[in-house]
Amino acid sequence: MTIQTGDTIPSVKLMQAGAEGPQEVDSAEVLGSGTAVLFGVPGAFTPTCSAKHLPGFVQQAAALKAKGVGTVACVAVNDAFVMQAWGKDQGVEDQVLMLADGSANFIKALGLEQDLTARGLGVRAQRFAMILKDGKVTYVGVEQPGAFDVSSAETVLAKL
């Protein structure tokens, strides 16, 4: 079942690149306190994800923080090394937390997976964004295939 407004973010192990290699983090701990924005992409280094989705949140990071957002996080079904390299390539620095969900366990817990096996990509995240307040979903926007509207940084800003 797909996560809905009013639901609590599930507690699932994610990975984050650190100085000493990949570090395990808990989704509920990272996103469960204060106001957080989480957006998911089908894959690092993919066209829309790299040209629009992640760059939009990097560009709007200060505006999001000005509206009380303490954490902006990106999740993809990639490994922590890929997420770290993509973040570096995109100039993320400390503006967006890059979270790896290599086995899609978190994405499946959210009910936001899509099977792209026929296209050689395996199970991936749908394109989405959500706003969380103390771990509760207050907004969730899931894109239709090929669309980029309800999960953009600008849309999220307008929903805060």
C-alpha atoms as a PDB file:
ATOM      1  CA  MET A   1       0.000   0.000   0.000  1.00  0.00           C
ATOM      2  CA  THR A   2       1.319   3.435  -0.933  1.00  0.00           C
ATOM      3  CA  ILE A   3       2.194   5.817   1.885  1.00  0.00           C
ATOM      4  CA  GLN A   4      -0.455   8.507   2.374  1.00  0.00           C
ATOM      5  CA  THR A   5      -0.876  11.828   4.126  1.00  0.00           C
ATOM      6  CA  GLY A   6      -1.126  11.160   7.868  1.00  0.00           C
ATOM      7  CA  ASP A   7       1.009   8.004   7.759  1.00  0.00           C
ATOM      8  CA  THR A   8       4.223   7.678   9.758  1.00  0.00           C
ATOM      9  CA  ILE A   9       7.493   7.231   7.900  1.00  0.00           C
ATOM     10  CA  PRO A  10       8.605   3.595   8.287  1.00  0.00           C
ATOM     11  CA  SER A  11      11.778   2.629  10.096  1.00  0.00           C
ATOM     12  CA  VAL A  12      14.035   0.991   7.509  1.00  0.00           C
ATOM     13  CA  LYS A  13      17.815   0.723   7.176  1.00  0.00           C
ATOM     14  CA  LEU A  14      19.329   3.023   4.544  1.00  0.00           C
ATOM     15  CA  MET A  15      22.953   3.687   3.711  1.00  0.00           C
ATOM     16  CA  GLN A  16      24.818   6.967   3.545  1.00  0.00           C
ATOM     17  CA  ALA A  17      28.378   7.506   2.378  1.00  0.00           C
ATOM     18  CA  GLY A  18      30.680   8.613   5.159  1.00  0.00           C
ATOM     19  CA  ALA A  19      34.363   9.387   5.650  1.00  0.00           C
ATOM     20  CA  GLU A  20      34.955   5.760   6.660  1.00  0.00           C
ATOM     21  CA  GLY A  21      32.732   4.194   3.999  1.00  0.00           C
ATOM     22  CA  PRO A  22      28.999   3.494   3.918  1.00  0.00           C
ATOM     23  CA  GLN A  23      27.206   4.125   7.204  1.00  0.00           C
ATOM     24  CA  GLU A  24      23.867   2.606   8.174  1.00  0.00           C
ATOM     25  CA  VAL A  25      21.126   5.110   9.044  1.00  0.00           C
ATOM     26  CA  ASP A  26      17.519   4.574  10.086  1.00  0.00           C
ATOM     27  CA  SER A  27      14.900   6.306   7.951  1.00  0.00           C
ATOM     28  CA  ALA A  28      12.683   7.118  10.943  1.00  0.00           C
ATOM     29  CA  GLU A  29      15.594   8.659  12.847  1.00  0.00           C
ATOM     30  CA  VAL A  30      16.848  10.731   9.905  1.00  0.00           C
ATOM     31  CA  LEU A  31      13.381  11.937   8.844  1.00  0.00           C
ATOM     32  CA  GLY A  32      11.353  11.662  12.040  1.00  0.00           C
ATOM     33  CA  SER A  33      12.120  14.905  13.846  1.00  0.00           C
ATOM     34  CA  GLY A  34      11.067  18.417  12.866  1.00  0.00           C
ATOM     35  CA  THR A  35      10.156  19.215   9.279  1.00  0.00           C
ATOM     36  CA  ALA A  36      11.820  17.113   6.602  1.00  0.00           C
ATOM     37  CA  VAL A  37      11.507  16.873   2.845  1.00  0.00           C
ATOM     38  CA  LEU A  38      12.203  13.558   1.163  1.00  0.00           C
ATOM     39  CA  PHE A  39      12.273  13.092  -2.573  1.00  0.00           C
ATOM     40  CA  GLY A  40      12.834   9.897  -4.475  1.00  0.00           C
ATOM     41  CA  VAL A  41      14.220   9.390  -7.940  1.00  0.00           C
ATOM     42  CA  PRO A  42      14.346   6.373 -10.255  1.00  0.00           C
ATOM     43  CA  GLY A  43      18.128   6.523 -10.390  1.00  0.00           C
ATOM     44  CA  ALA A  44      21.259   8.559  -9.879  1.00  0.00           C
ATOM     45  CA  PHE A  45      22.801  10.020 -13.037  1.00  0.00           C
ATOM     46  CA  THR A  46      19.590   9.501 -15.031  1.00  0.00           C
ATOM     47  CA  PRO A  47      18.376  12.357 -17.282  1.00  0.00           C
ATOM     48  CA  THR A  48      15.451  14.014 -15.456  1.00  0.00           C
ATOM     49  CA  CYS A  49      16.910  13.191 -12.052  1.00  0.00           C
ATOM     50  CA  SER A  50      20.210  14.901 -12.915  1.00  0.00           C
ATOM     51  CA  ALA A  51      18.887  17.763 -15.046  1.00  0.00           C
ATOM     52  CA  LYS A  52      15.863  18.807 -12.956  1.00  0.00           C
ATOM     53  CA  HIS A  53      14.943  16.893  -9.820  1.00  0.00           C
ATOM     54  CA  LEU A  54      18.099  16.930  -7.668  1.00  0.00           C
ATOM     55  CA  PRO A  55      19.311  20.327  -8.988  1.00  0.00           C
ATOM     56  CA  GLY A  56      15.954  21.890  -8.088  1.00  0.00           C
ATOM     57  CA  PHE A  57      16.308  20.843  -4.454  1.00  0.00           C
ATOM     58  CA  VAL A  58      19.925  22.023  -4.345  1.00  0.00           C
ATOM     59  CA  GLN A  59      18.891  25.407  -5.774  1.00  0.00           C
ATOM     60  CA  GLN A  60      15.928  25.700  -3.374  1.00  0.00           C
ATOM     61  CA  ALA A  61      17.728  24.400  -0.256  1.00  0.00           C
ATOM     62  CA  ALA A  62      17.994  27.852   1.356  1.00  0.00           C
ATOM     63  CA  ALA A  63      14.338  28.640   0.627  1.00  0.00           C
ATOM     64  CA  LEU A  64      13.262  25.295   2.102  1.00  0.00           C
ATOM     65  CA  LYS A  65      15.326  25.909   5.239  1.00  0.00           C
ATOM     66  CA  ALA A  66      13.843  29.415   5.501  1.00  0.00           C
ATOM     67  CA  LYS A  67      10.407  27.751   5.672  1.00  0.00           C
ATOM     68  CA  GLY A  68      11.532  25.575   8.595  1.00  0.00           C
ATOM     69  CA  VAL A  69      12.800  22.466   6.815  1.00  0.00           C
ATOM     70  CA  GLY A  70      15.608  20.920   8.841  1.00  0.00           C
ATOM     71  CA  THR A  71      16.415  18.003   6.530  1.00  0.00           C
ATOM     72  CA  VAL A  72      16.224  17.700   2.758  1.00  0.00           C
ATOM     73  CA  ALA A  73      16.942  14.139   1.647  1.00  0.00           C
ATOM     74  CA  CYS A  74      17.139  12.316  -1.665  1.00  0.00           C
ATOM     75  CA  VAL A  75      16.685   8.558  -1.906  1.00  0.00           C
ATOM     76  CA  ALA A  76      17.322   6.234  -4.825  1.00  0.00           C
ATOM     77  CA  VAL A  77      17.706   2.512  -5.390  1.00  0.00           C
ATOM     78  CA  ASN A  78      21.454   2.818  -5.820  1.00  0.00           C
ATOM     79  CA  ASP A  79      24.390   2.054  -3.546  1.00  0.00           C
ATOM     80  CA  ALA A  80      25.980   4.591  -1.194  1.00  0.00           C
ATOM     81  CA  PHE A  81      29.037   5.003  -3.440  1.00  0.00           C
ATOM     82  CA  VAL A  82      26.889   5.937  -6.439  1.00  0.00           C
ATOM     83  CA  MET A  83      24.815   8.348  -4.344  1.00  0.00           C
ATOM     84  CA  GLN A  84      28.003   9.965  -3.021  1.00  0.00           C
ATOM     85  CA  ALA A  85      29.453  10.334  -6.532  1.00  0.00           C
ATOM     86  CA  TRP A  86      26.179  11.749  -7.871  1.00  0.00           C
ATOM     87  CA  GLY A  87      25.986  14.228  -4.996  1.00  0.00           C
ATOM     88  CA  LYS A  88      29.554  15.344  -5.675  1.00  0.00           C
ATOM     89  CA  ASP A  89      28.841  15.641  -9.410  1.00  0.00           C
ATOM     90  CA  GLN A  90      25.760  17.764  -8.662  1.00  0.00           C
ATOM     91  CA  GLY A  91      27.458  20.025  -6.100  1.00  0.00           C
ATOM     92  CA  VAL A  92      25.133  18.929  -3.300  1.00  0.00           C
ATOM     93  CA  GLU A  93      27.649  19.501  -0.456  1.00  0.00           C
ATOM     94  CA  ASP A  94      25.612  19.554   2.796  1.00  0.00           C
ATOM     95  CA  GLN A  95      22.382  20.863   1.265  1.00  0.00           C
ATOM     96  CA  VAL A  96      20.779  17.486   0.487  1.00  0.00           C
ATOM     97  CA  LEU A  97      21.278  14.232   2.379  1.00  0.00           C
ATOM     98  CA  MET A  98      21.988  11.496  -0.171  1.00  0.00           C
ATOM     99  CA  LEU A  99      20.425   8.209   0.968  1.00  0.00           C
ATOM    100  CA  ALA A 100      21.005   4.849  -0.697  1.00  0.00           C
ATOM    101  CA  ASP A 101      18.328   2.146  -0.731  1.00  0.00           C
ATOM    102  CA  GLY A 102      20.297  -0.470  -2.646  1.00  0.00           C
ATOM    103  CA  SER A 103      17.802  -3.311  -2.228  1.00  0.00           C
ATOM    104  CA  ALA A 104      14.681  -1.080  -2.463  1.00  0.00           C
ATOM    105  CA  ASN A 105      13.547  -2.112   1.032  1.00  0.00           C
ATOM    106  CA  PHE A 106      12.620   1.445   2.047  1.00  0.00           C
ATOM    107  CA  ILE A 107      10.972   2.208  -1.304  1.00  0.00           C
ATOM    108  CA  LYS A 108       8.925  -1.008  -1.006  1.00  0.00           C
ATOM    109  CA  ALA A 109       7.937  -0.085   2.582  1.00  0.00           C
ATOM    110  CA  LEU A 110       6.641   3.218   1.177  1.00  0.00           C
ATOM    111  CA  GLY A 111       4.782   1.375  -1.588  1.00  0.00           C
ATOM    112  CA  LEU A 112       6.550   3.554  -4.157  1.00  0.00           C
ATOM    113  CA  GLU A 113       8.492   0.976  -6.134  1.00  0.00           C
ATOM    114  CA  GLN A 114       8.244   0.411  -9.874  1.00  0.00           C
ATOM    115  CA  ASP A 115       9.470  -2.612 -11.783  1.00  0.00           C
ATOM    116  CA  LEU A 116      11.687  -1.500 -14.656  1.00  0.00           C
ATOM    117  CA  THR A 117      13.210  -4.942 -15.183  1.00  0.00           C
ATOM    118  CA  ALA A 118      12.013  -5.042 -18.802  1.00  0.00           C
ATOM    119  CA  ARG A 119      14.123  -1.921 -19.430  1.00  0.00           C
ATOM    120  CA  GLY A 120      17.190  -3.418 -17.721  1.00  0.00           C
ATOM    121  CA  LEU A 121      16.883  -1.292 -14.571  1.00  0.00           C
ATOM    122  CA  GLY A 122      15.365  -3.693 -12.044  1.00  0.00           C
ATOM    123  CA  VAL A 123      13.131  -2.416  -9.253  1.00  0.00           C
ATOM    124  CA  ARG A 124      13.423   1.341  -8.794  1.00  0.00           C
ATOM    125  CA  ALA A 125      11.679   4.165  -6.959  1.00  0.00           C
ATOM    126  CA  GLN A 126       8.873   6.054  -8.551  1.00  0.00           C
ATOM    127  CA  ARG A 127       9.570   9.785  -8.791  1.00  0.00           C
ATOM    128  CA  PHE A 128       8.061  11.387  -5.680  1.00  0.00           C
ATOM    129  CA  ALA A 129       8.413  14.018  -2.987  1.00  0.00           C
ATOM    130  CA  MET A 130       6.963  14.246   0.499  1.00  0.00           C
ATOM    131  CA  ILE A 131       6.901  16.595   3.434  1.00  0.00           C
ATOM    132  CA  LEU A 132       7.147  15.131   6.929  1.00  0.00           C
ATOM    133  CA  LYS A 133       6.476  16.809  10.247  1.00  0.00           C
ATOM    134  CA  ASP A 134       7.827  14.838  13.197  1.00  0.00           C
ATOM    135  CA  GLY A 135       7.737  11.689  11.092  1.00  0.00           C
ATOM    136  CA  LYS A 136       4.155  12.137   9.818  1.00  0.00           C
ATOM    137  CA  VAL A 137       3.495  12.678   6.125  1.00  0.00           C
ATOM    138  CA  THR A 138       1.775  16.017   5.468  1.00  0.00           C
ATOM    139  CA  TYR A 139       2.210  15.969   1.684  1.00  0.00           C
ATOM    140  CA  VAL A 140       3.061  13.269  -0.823  1.00  0.00           C
ATOM    141  CA  GLY A 141       3.276  13.815  -4.564  1.00  0.00           C
ATOM    142  CA  VAL A 142       3.906  10.831  -6.822  1.00  0.00           C
ATOM    143  CA  GLU A 143       4.559  11.478 -10.489  1.00  0.00           C
ATOM    144  CA  GLN A 144       2.835   9.740 -13.344  1.00  0.00           C
ATOM    145  CA  PRO A 145       5.346   7.979 -15.643  1.00  0.00           C
ATOM    146  CA  GLY A 146       7.335  10.552 -17.601  1.00  0.00           C
ATOM    147  CA  ALA A 147       5.941  13.531 -15.647  1.00  0.00           C
ATOM    148  CA  PHE A 148       7.784  16.028 -13.468  1.00  0.00           C
ATOM    149  CA  ASP A 149       5.436  18.331 -11.591  1.00  0.00           C
ATOM    150  CA  VAL A 150       4.107  17.224  -8.180  1.00  0.00           C
ATOM    151  CA  SER A 151       7.558  16.243  -6.891  1.00  0.00           C
ATOM    152  CA  SER A 152       9.522  19.343  -7.885  1.00  0.00           C
ATOM    153  CA  ALA A 153      11.237  21.563  -5.342  1.00  0.00           C
ATOM    154  CA  GLU A 154       8.968  24.426  -6.373  1.00  0.00           C
ATOM    155  CA  THR A 155       5.830  22.381  -5.709  1.00  0.00           C
ATOM    156  CA  VAL A 156       7.165  21.269  -2.327  1.00  0.00           C
ATOM    157  CA  LEU A 157       7.976  24.884  -1.410  1.00  0.00           C
ATOM    158  CA  ALA A 158       4.416  25.893  -2.254  1.00  0.00           C
ATOM    159  CA  LYS A 159       3.049  23.105   0.000  1.00  0.00           C
ATOM    160  CA  LEU A 160       5.043  24.174   3.080  1.00  0.00           C
END
